[in-house]
Amino acid sequence: MDEHGIELYEEIRGMGKIRDKSPFSPFKNGGIEIKATCGSVPTPIKCAKLGIEKPDMGETRIAVMHGYDWKAHHRETNNLVGILWDFLDGAPHIVAIFFGNTLTENDWGKIVQPKEGGGRTTSVSIMPRSGVNKMYKNWIAVKEDPRYVKFINEYNGGALIKL
């Protein structure tokens, strides 16, 4: 940690907030938030109706992937790196990276509270298509594989990504 970081740390510690989230959220100097998703695939019931099996852990999902989004416990994000990953040869691989620095609260869905007695579920906000599309327009890298390029372009109604 540099000298400035040590000063900030000591200031927070002096206020007795070292275990408190508030000094770090929102992070006053900007920062970068990183979120990852493996995309959405049909439910087992829908897969059965389609005559396919839902991919198991370790199986590639792109053939049945029908969407993707990112989730958060809040609606404020200043700099977001969004990762899309999939299993390739049984191991997780990053297949696309996006960046958003113009996201607003409107680019996130309403925060959904967990149901009473709902186990370990926490409150969550799901990024709607408008936010995903903003991230798409600022794509950084996509795996050179026509399946991913086609899926991401079609999902966003565009043709920004070329092979």
Protein backbone atom coordinates (compact mmCIF):
# COMPACT_ATOMS: atom_id res chain seq x y z
CA MET A 1 0.00 0.00 0.00
CA ASP A 2 1.37 3.46 -0.85
CA GLU A 3 1.55 6.39 1.56
CA HIS A 4 -1.84 7.79 0.51
CA GLY A 5 -3.46 4.38 0.93
CA ILE A 6 -2.01 4.06 4.42
CA GLU A 7 -3.38 7.50 5.31
CA LEU A 8 -6.87 6.54 4.10
CA TYR A 9 -6.69 3.22 5.95
CA GLU A 10 -5.67 4.95 9.18
CA GLU A 11 -8.48 7.50 8.75
CA ILE A 12 -11.06 4.72 8.42
CA ARG A 13 -9.54 2.81 11.32
CA GLY A 14 -9.59 5.97 13.45
CA MET A 15 -13.34 6.34 12.81
CA GLY A 16 -13.85 2.75 13.99
CA LYS A 17 -15.17 1.72 10.57
CA ILE A 18 -12.54 -0.79 9.50
CA ARG A 19 -15.14 -3.59 9.42
CA ASP A 20 -17.86 -1.34 8.00
CA LYS A 21 -18.74 -1.47 4.30
CA SER A 22 -19.74 2.21 4.04
CA PRO A 23 -16.23 3.67 3.50
CA PHE A 24 -15.81 1.42 0.46
CA SER A 25 -19.24 1.42 -1.14
CA PRO A 26 -19.53 3.40 -3.23
CA PHE A 27 -15.76 3.62 -3.53
CA LYS A 28 -15.08 7.36 -3.47
CA ASN A 29 -12.18 7.22 -5.93
CA GLY A 30 -14.06 5.25 -8.58
CA GLY A 31 -12.48 1.84 -8.68
CA ILE A 32 -13.43 -1.04 -10.95
CA GLU A 33 -16.10 -3.61 -10.22
CA ILE A 34 -15.81 -7.02 -11.87
CA LYS A 35 -18.79 -9.31 -12.41
CA ALA A 36 -18.96 -12.64 -14.20
CA THR A 37 -21.78 -14.68 -15.71
CA CYS A 38 -21.99 -18.03 -17.46
CA GLY A 39 -25.13 -16.95 -19.30
CA SER A 40 -28.65 -18.33 -19.19
CA VAL A 41 -29.72 -21.75 -20.40
CA PRO A 42 -33.20 -23.26 -20.48
CA THR A 43 -34.59 -24.96 -17.38
CA PRO A 44 -34.48 -28.77 -17.24
CA ILE A 45 -38.22 -28.86 -18.06
CA LYS A 46 -37.79 -26.65 -21.13
CA CYS A 47 -34.73 -28.68 -22.20
CA ALA A 48 -36.83 -31.86 -21.97
CA LYS A 49 -39.51 -30.26 -24.17
CA LEU A 50 -36.81 -29.34 -26.70
CA GLY A 51 -35.44 -32.88 -26.59
CA ILE A 52 -32.07 -31.81 -25.20
CA GLU A 53 -30.33 -32.14 -21.87
CA LYS A 54 -29.40 -29.16 -19.74
CA PRO A 55 -25.61 -28.89 -19.69
CA ASP A 56 -24.02 -30.33 -16.56
CA MET A 57 -21.19 -28.72 -14.64
CA GLY A 58 -18.15 -28.75 -16.90
CA GLU A 59 -20.11 -29.00 -20.17
CA THR A 60 -20.04 -26.28 -22.80
CA ARG A 61 -23.21 -24.16 -22.70
CA ILE A 62 -23.04 -22.03 -25.87
CA ALA A 63 -25.24 -24.37 -27.96
CA VAL A 64 -28.20 -23.74 -25.62
CA MET A 65 -27.31 -20.34 -24.15
CA HIS A 66 -30.20 -17.93 -24.71
CA GLY A 67 -29.08 -14.84 -22.82
CA TYR A 68 -26.71 -13.30 -20.32
CA ASP A 69 -26.75 -10.55 -17.73
CA TRP A 70 -24.93 -9.48 -14.61
CA LYS A 71 -26.30 -9.29 -11.08
CA ALA A 72 -25.50 -6.97 -8.17
CA HIS A 73 -26.69 -6.19 -4.66
CA HIS A 74 -26.93 -2.51 -5.60
CA ARG A 75 -27.74 -0.28 -8.57
CA GLU A 76 -24.71 2.01 -8.56
CA THR A 77 -21.70 1.10 -10.70
CA ASN A 78 -19.18 3.53 -12.09
CA ASN A 79 -16.71 1.22 -13.87
CA LEU A 80 -17.84 -2.34 -14.57
CA VAL A 81 -15.86 -5.10 -16.21
CA GLY A 82 -18.38 -7.74 -17.28
CA ILE A 83 -17.11 -11.23 -18.00
CA LEU A 84 -18.96 -13.96 -19.90
CA TRP A 85 -17.52 -17.42 -19.36
CA ASP A 86 -18.26 -20.95 -20.48
CA PHE A 87 -16.84 -24.41 -19.93
CA LEU A 88 -14.42 -25.53 -22.63
CA ASP A 89 -12.86 -28.98 -22.36
CA GLY A 90 -14.33 -29.28 -18.87
CA ALA A 91 -12.75 -26.11 -17.46
CA PRO A 92 -14.12 -22.57 -17.16
CA HIS A 93 -12.80 -20.12 -19.76
CA ILE A 94 -13.46 -16.42 -20.25
CA VAL A 95 -15.13 -16.11 -23.67
CA ALA A 96 -15.95 -12.38 -23.66
CA ILE A 97 -15.06 -9.22 -21.74
CA PHE A 98 -17.06 -5.99 -21.74
CA PHE A 99 -16.61 -2.62 -20.03
CA GLY A 100 -19.15 -0.09 -18.86
CA ASN A 101 -18.31 3.35 -17.55
CA THR A 102 -21.59 5.06 -18.43
CA LEU A 103 -23.97 2.82 -16.50
CA THR A 104 -26.66 4.51 -14.44
CA GLU A 105 -29.12 3.18 -11.87
CA ASN A 106 -31.61 2.77 -14.75
CA ASP A 107 -29.27 0.21 -16.32
CA TRP A 108 -30.03 -2.09 -13.39
CA GLY A 109 -33.33 -3.69 -12.47
CA LYS A 110 -35.17 -3.04 -9.25
CA ILE A 111 -33.61 -4.73 -6.24
CA VAL A 112 -35.54 -7.90 -5.50
CA GLN A 113 -35.70 -8.86 -1.83
CA PRO A 114 -35.50 -12.54 -0.86
CA LYS A 115 -38.65 -14.34 0.24
CA GLU A 116 -39.10 -14.92 3.95
CA GLY A 117 -37.40 -18.21 4.83
CA GLY A 118 -35.76 -18.32 1.39
CA GLY A 119 -32.51 -19.81 2.63
CA ARG A 120 -29.29 -17.97 1.88
CA THR A 121 -30.68 -15.88 -0.97
CA THR A 122 -29.81 -12.18 -0.73
CA SER A 123 -31.25 -9.07 -2.34
CA VAL A 124 -30.29 -8.78 -6.00
CA SER A 125 -30.60 -6.43 -8.96
CA ILE A 126 -30.43 -7.97 -12.44
CA MET A 127 -29.09 -5.92 -15.34
CA PRO A 128 -31.79 -5.65 -18.03
CA ARG A 129 -31.15 -5.80 -21.78
CA SER A 130 -30.55 -2.02 -21.97
CA GLY A 131 -27.59 -2.29 -19.59
CA VAL A 132 -26.27 -5.44 -21.28
CA ASN A 133 -26.48 -3.61 -24.62
CA LYS A 134 -24.46 -0.69 -23.22
CA MET A 135 -21.79 -3.16 -22.15
CA TYR A 136 -21.91 -4.83 -25.60
CA LYS A 137 -21.30 -1.50 -27.31
CA ASN A 138 -18.08 -1.24 -25.30
CA TRP A 139 -16.82 -4.81 -25.79
CA ILE A 140 -13.14 -5.43 -25.12
CA ALA A 141 -12.48 -9.01 -26.24
CA VAL A 142 -14.43 -12.01 -27.52
CA LYS A 143 -13.10 -15.51 -28.12
CA GLU A 144 -12.36 -16.05 -31.80
CA ASP A 145 -15.09 -18.65 -32.15
CA PRO A 146 -18.04 -18.05 -34.48
CA ARG A 147 -20.48 -19.53 -31.94
CA TYR A 148 -19.74 -16.85 -29.34
CA VAL A 149 -19.44 -13.98 -31.82
CA LYS A 150 -22.78 -14.90 -33.43
CA PHE A 151 -24.56 -15.40 -30.09
CA ILE A 152 -23.35 -12.11 -28.56
CA ASN A 153 -24.11 -10.09 -31.70
CA GLU A 154 -27.57 -11.63 -32.15
CA TYR A 155 -28.48 -11.30 -28.48
CA ASN A 156 -27.72 -7.58 -28.70
CA GLY A 157 -29.27 -7.05 -32.13
CA GLY A 158 -25.99 -5.87 -33.60
CA ALA A 159 -22.94 -6.80 -35.60
CA LEU A 160 -20.19 -4.96 -33.73
CA ILE A 161 -18.01 -8.00 -33.16
CA LYS A 162 -16.24 -9.43 -36.20
CA LEU A 163 -14.12 -12.55 -36.54
